[in-house]
Protein backbone atom coordinates (compact mmCIF):
# COMPACT_ATOMS: atom_id res chain seq x y z
CA UNK A 1 69.45 173.80 171.52
CA UNK A 2 69.13 169.92 170.95
CA UNK A 3 69.80 170.16 167.18
CA UNK A 4 72.96 172.15 168.16
CA UNK A 5 74.22 169.48 170.45
CA UNK A 6 73.38 166.40 167.94
CA UNK A 7 75.23 168.28 165.22
CA UNK A 8 78.02 169.01 167.58
CA UNK A 9 78.17 165.06 168.41
CA UNK A 10 77.99 164.14 165.02
CA UNK A 11 80.94 166.35 163.95
CA UNK A 12 82.77 165.02 167.22
CA UNK A 13 82.40 161.48 166.17
CA UNK A 14 83.27 162.21 162.41
CA UNK A 15 86.40 163.65 163.77
CA UNK A 16 87.19 160.86 166.00
CA UNK A 17 86.69 158.15 163.36
CA UNK A 18 88.74 160.23 161.02
CA UNK A 19 91.68 160.43 163.75
CA UNK A 20 91.72 156.50 163.88
CA UNK A 21 93.34 154.76 161.28
CA UNK A 22 93.24 150.66 161.62
CA UNK A 23 96.38 149.02 159.81
CA UNK A 24 96.29 145.13 159.30
CA UNK A 25 99.22 143.06 160.17
CA UNK A 26 100.08 142.39 156.50
CA UNK A 27 100.13 146.25 156.10
CA UNK A 28 102.48 149.20 156.38
CA UNK A 29 102.38 152.74 155.54
CA UNK A 30 103.49 156.34 156.19
CA UNK A 31 101.71 159.38 157.72
CA UNK A 32 101.95 162.82 155.97
CA UNK A 33 101.36 165.98 157.55
CA UNK A 34 101.11 168.93 155.26
CA UNK A 35 103.00 166.82 152.64
CA UNK A 36 105.90 165.79 154.76
CA UNK A 37 106.50 162.32 156.52
CA UNK A 38 106.17 162.55 160.07
CA UNK A 39 106.07 158.58 161.02
CA UNK A 40 105.11 155.25 160.25
CA UNK A 41 101.81 153.42 160.46
CA UNK A 42 102.08 150.34 162.37
CA UNK A 43 99.83 147.37 162.60
CA UNK A 44 96.85 147.88 164.84
CA UNK A 45 95.14 151.41 165.72
CA UNK A 46 97.16 154.41 164.64
CA UNK A 47 95.79 157.94 166.11
CA UNK A 48 96.49 160.94 163.49
CA UNK A 49 95.36 164.58 163.42
CA UNK A 50 92.38 164.47 161.05
CA UNK A 51 92.43 167.05 157.85
CA UNK A 52 96.38 167.60 158.63
CA UNK A 53 97.58 164.22 158.51
CA UNK A 54 97.21 161.83 155.64
CA UNK A 55 97.72 158.15 155.82
CA UNK A 56 99.13 156.08 153.04
CA UNK A 57 98.89 152.47 153.39
CA UNK A 58 100.61 149.67 151.24
CA UNK A 59 99.94 145.69 151.26
CA UNK A 60 103.26 144.03 152.01
CA UNK A 61 102.11 140.50 151.11
CA UNK A 62 103.81 138.79 148.01
CA UNK A 63 101.41 140.03 144.92
CA UNK A 64 101.06 138.62 141.39
CA UNK A 65 101.12 140.92 138.32
CA UNK A 66 100.29 139.77 134.97
CA UNK A 67 102.64 141.05 132.06
CA UNK A 68 100.13 141.49 129.15
CA UNK A 69 101.27 139.54 126.02
CA UNK A 70 102.94 141.62 123.31
CA UNK A 71 104.63 140.71 120.12
CA UNK A 72 108.61 140.85 119.84
CA UNK A 73 111.04 140.19 117.24
CA UNK A 74 114.02 137.72 117.81
CA UNK A 75 117.43 138.23 116.71
CA UNK A 76 116.59 136.20 113.56
CA UNK A 77 113.80 138.59 112.60
CA UNK A 78 110.92 136.25 113.72
CA UNK A 79 107.84 137.73 115.39
CA UNK A 80 106.88 136.01 118.66
CA UNK A 81 104.16 136.77 121.37
CA UNK A 82 104.87 136.39 124.73
CA UNK A 83 103.48 136.97 128.25
CA UNK A 84 104.57 136.44 131.74
CA UNK A 85 103.88 136.80 135.39
CA UNK A 86 105.79 138.42 138.17
CA UNK A 87 105.92 137.60 141.86
CA UNK A 88 106.99 140.60 143.80
CA UNK A 89 106.71 142.06 147.33
CA UNK A 90 107.11 145.33 148.83
CA UNK A 91 110.00 145.13 151.87
CA UNK A 92 110.72 148.98 152.27
CA UNK A 93 107.37 151.04 152.49
CA UNK A 94 109.09 154.58 152.54
CA UNK A 95 110.65 153.96 149.24
CA UNK A 96 107.86 152.21 147.59
CA UNK A 97 105.90 155.16 148.48
CA UNK A 98 108.38 158.09 148.01
CA UNK A 99 110.64 156.83 144.92
CA UNK A 100 108.04 155.62 142.46
CA UNK A 101 104.54 156.82 141.94
CA UNK A 102 102.78 153.66 141.12
CA UNK A 103 105.15 150.56 141.64
CA UNK A 104 102.90 147.85 140.20
CA UNK A 105 102.44 149.79 137.04
CA UNK A 106 106.49 150.32 136.70
CA UNK A 107 106.89 146.86 137.53
CA UNK A 108 104.89 145.93 134.30
CA UNK A 109 106.30 148.40 132.10
CA UNK A 110 109.82 147.48 133.21
CA UNK A 111 109.15 143.68 132.74
CA UNK A 112 107.81 144.29 129.14
CA UNK A 113 110.65 146.30 128.00
CA UNK A 114 113.19 143.78 129.58
CA UNK A 115 111.77 140.96 128.39
CA UNK A 116 111.60 142.59 124.71
CA UNK A 117 115.34 143.23 124.99
CA UNK A 118 116.07 139.60 126.21
CA UNK A 119 114.10 138.07 123.23
CA UNK A 120 115.50 140.51 120.77
CA UNK A 121 119.11 139.06 121.95
CA UNK A 122 118.15 135.39 121.34
CA UNK A 123 116.96 133.44 117.85
CA UNK A 124 113.81 131.70 117.82
CA UNK A 125 115.21 128.24 118.57
CA UNK A 126 116.96 129.72 121.66
CA UNK A 127 113.58 131.51 122.70
CA UNK A 128 111.65 128.04 122.52
CA UNK A 129 114.23 126.01 124.01
CA UNK A 130 115.59 128.35 126.75
CA UNK A 131 112.72 129.59 128.77
CA UNK A 132 114.30 129.00 132.24
CA UNK A 133 117.23 131.02 131.26
CA UNK A 134 114.76 133.78 129.83
CA UNK A 135 112.94 133.60 133.50
CA UNK A 136 116.43 133.76 135.31
CA UNK A 137 117.54 136.60 133.18
CA UNK A 138 114.36 138.56 133.61
CA UNK A 139 114.14 138.04 137.36
CA UNK A 140 117.90 139.26 137.83
CA UNK A 141 117.39 142.37 135.84
CA UNK A 142 113.97 143.38 137.34
CA UNK A 143 115.24 142.40 141.07
CA UNK A 144 118.08 144.75 140.40
CA UNK A 145 116.24 147.55 139.06
CA UNK A 146 113.22 147.56 141.71
CA UNK A 147 115.72 147.71 144.36
CA UNK A 148 115.55 151.30 144.56
CA UNK A 149 111.78 151.14 144.89
CA UNK A 150 111.70 149.19 147.77
CA UNK A 151 110.50 146.03 146.02
CA UNK A 152 111.94 142.71 145.96
CA UNK A 153 111.29 140.24 142.92
CA UNK A 154 110.44 137.10 144.06
CA UNK A 155 109.79 134.87 140.89
CA UNK A 156 109.15 135.27 137.15
CA UNK A 157 107.79 132.98 134.93
CA UNK A 158 106.89 133.23 130.96
CA UNK A 159 103.45 131.64 130.79
CA UNK A 160 103.39 131.23 126.84
CA UNK A 161 105.66 131.82 123.85
CA UNK A 162 103.38 131.77 120.63
CA UNK A 163 105.36 131.91 117.62
CA UNK A 164 103.58 132.56 114.00
CA UNK A 165 101.48 130.22 112.15
CA UNK A 166 103.75 129.21 109.61
CA UNK A 167 106.33 128.40 112.19
CA UNK A 168 103.84 126.46 114.04
CA UNK A 169 102.92 124.34 111.14
CA UNK A 170 106.92 123.64 110.58
CA UNK A 171 107.21 122.53 113.92
CA UNK A 172 104.32 120.27 113.78
CA UNK A 173 105.50 118.66 110.47
CA UNK A 174 109.06 118.31 111.97
CA UNK A 175 107.54 116.47 115.24
CA UNK A 176 105.54 114.49 112.98
CA UNK A 177 108.49 113.40 111.00
CA UNK A 178 110.39 112.71 114.32
CA UNK A 179 107.62 110.44 115.44
CA UNK A 180 107.62 108.56 112.34
CA UNK A 181 111.66 108.06 112.43
CA UNK A 182 111.36 106.94 115.96
CA UNK A 183 108.29 104.48 115.06
CA UNK A 184 110.62 103.19 111.93
CA UNK A 185 113.61 102.74 114.25
CA UNK A 186 111.54 100.92 116.89
CA UNK A 187 109.80 98.60 114.25
CA UNK A 188 113.26 97.85 112.98
CA UNK A 189 114.87 97.08 116.36
CA UNK A 190 111.85 94.74 117.20
CA UNK A 191 112.46 92.89 113.49
CA UNK A 192 116.14 92.69 114.25
CA UNK A 193 115.61 91.32 117.81
CA UNK A 194 112.60 88.97 116.48
CA UNK A 195 115.37 87.70 113.69
CA UNK A 196 118.06 87.14 116.43
CA UNK A 197 115.69 85.35 118.82
CA UNK A 198 114.66 83.12 115.53
CA UNK A 199 118.24 82.49 114.69
CA UNK A 200 119.09 81.65 118.42
CA UNK A 201 115.78 78.93 118.40
CA UNK A 202 117.32 77.40 115.22
CA UNK A 203 121.05 76.84 116.80
CA UNK A 204 119.43 75.48 120.07
CA UNK A 205 117.44 73.15 118.14
CA UNK A 206 120.48 72.29 115.84
CA UNK A 207 122.39 71.93 118.86
CA UNK A 208 119.96 69.49 120.87
CA UNK A 209 119.70 67.28 117.69
CA UNK A 210 123.43 67.05 117.05
CA UNK A 211 123.80 66.39 120.85
CA UNK A 212 121.19 63.55 120.21
CA UNK A 213 122.67 62.25 117.12
CA UNK A 214 125.98 62.23 118.92
CA UNK A 215 124.70 60.16 121.73
CA UNK A 216 122.91 57.68 119.35
CA UNK A 217 126.40 57.17 117.70
CA UNK A 218 127.91 56.82 121.10
CA UNK A 219 125.52 54.13 122.06
CA UNK A 220 125.80 52.58 118.85
CA UNK A 221 129.46 52.64 118.85
CA UNK A 222 129.36 51.09 122.34
CA UNK A 223 127.28 48.04 121.36
CA UNK A 224 129.52 47.27 118.72
CA UNK A 225 132.37 47.35 120.53
CA UNK A 226 130.77 45.08 122.89
CA UNK A 227 129.41 42.97 120.11
CA UNK A 228 132.89 42.28 118.42
CA UNK A 229 134.36 41.86 122.03
CA UNK A 230 132.03 39.07 122.45
CA UNK A 231 132.73 37.75 118.93
CA UNK A 232 136.46 37.66 119.44
CA UNK A 233 135.89 35.77 122.84
CA UNK A 234 133.96 32.94 121.12
CA UNK A 235 135.97 32.62 118.12
CA UNK A 236 138.87 32.36 120.52
CA UNK A 237 137.02 29.55 122.49
CA UNK A 238 136.12 27.80 119.33
CA UNK A 239 139.49 27.77 118.32
CA UNK A 240 141.01 26.33 121.51
CA UNK A 241 138.33 23.67 121.41
CA UNK A 242 139.11 22.99 117.94
CA UNK A 243 142.79 22.58 118.68
CA UNK A 244 142.06 19.96 121.31
CA UNK A 245 139.79 18.04 119.26
CA UNK A 246 142.28 17.89 116.43
CA UNK A 247 144.68 15.81 118.41
CA UNK A 248 141.97 13.18 119.53
CA UNK A 249 139.41 12.83 116.98
CA UNK A 250 138.16 14.79 113.80
CA UNK A 251 134.78 16.57 113.79
CA UNK A 252 133.27 18.83 111.73
CA UNK A 253 131.95 21.80 113.19
CA UNK A 254 129.56 23.73 110.99
CA UNK A 255 128.41 27.13 111.34
CA UNK A 256 125.28 26.10 113.01
CA UNK A 257 127.42 24.79 115.91
CA UNK A 258 128.95 28.27 116.10
CA UNK A 259 125.40 29.86 116.60
CA UNK A 260 124.80 27.39 119.26
CA UNK A 261 127.91 28.24 121.20
CA UNK A 262 127.47 31.87 120.63
CA UNK A 263 123.85 31.58 122.05
CA UNK A 264 125.19 29.61 124.92
CA UNK A 265 127.78 32.06 125.81
CA UNK A 266 125.34 34.83 125.59
CA UNK A 267 122.80 33.07 128.12
CA UNK A 268 125.75 32.08 130.26
CA UNK A 269 126.81 35.76 130.71
CA UNK A 270 123.00 36.76 130.90
CA UNK A 271 122.37 34.52 133.81
């Protein structure tokens, strides 16, 4: 009798456990009864009928799915390997469960085929230089196509675009040539600026030297002008004295007398 009640208690406990479904705050879901949807699972404790009701839960947080790398052919027949990541969120639980078998697997395959079509419509240079365009185009198409699955594509990022080795080598040589070109331009520009500064320095030196010479000439000219002015005054005074003495007495004025008078006038002025 004890074993009977023990077994009955275990069965009852198992049924109670199976009747309780705990749903996290970030989850949603549906309740199927004999293959038919009879209700939704809500966050918290949900009571169902064991063995008749089947709960199906869905994570409604933003999830990240990696798109495996694959080789694609561009419009100009270049082979590139591209991979990406997709950020998505389930916004309609009923559609995500009823309209698609496995929405994550469907998103990965849809992203691969869409990415292949986008890359195939572009040339290699465009693929390498227009990553933002590829991201936005892929996001637009995926978001439109997955709307029927109750999924919203939030963001798409192309992680890597890997061209063939020969194209990599050509790109490396091109970048090296561009760097050498920029270095040569910078060197020529530096030499040009150096010559300009050198020429400006020489011109400034010549200007200062010319100004000094002009000032020296001005000083000499001023001294000469003053000298000849003093000489004129001296000879004028001697001429007057000579005229006065000529009427009274005859004296001979030698050149030494002129020097004495000149010195006398200069001393008089300096005093």
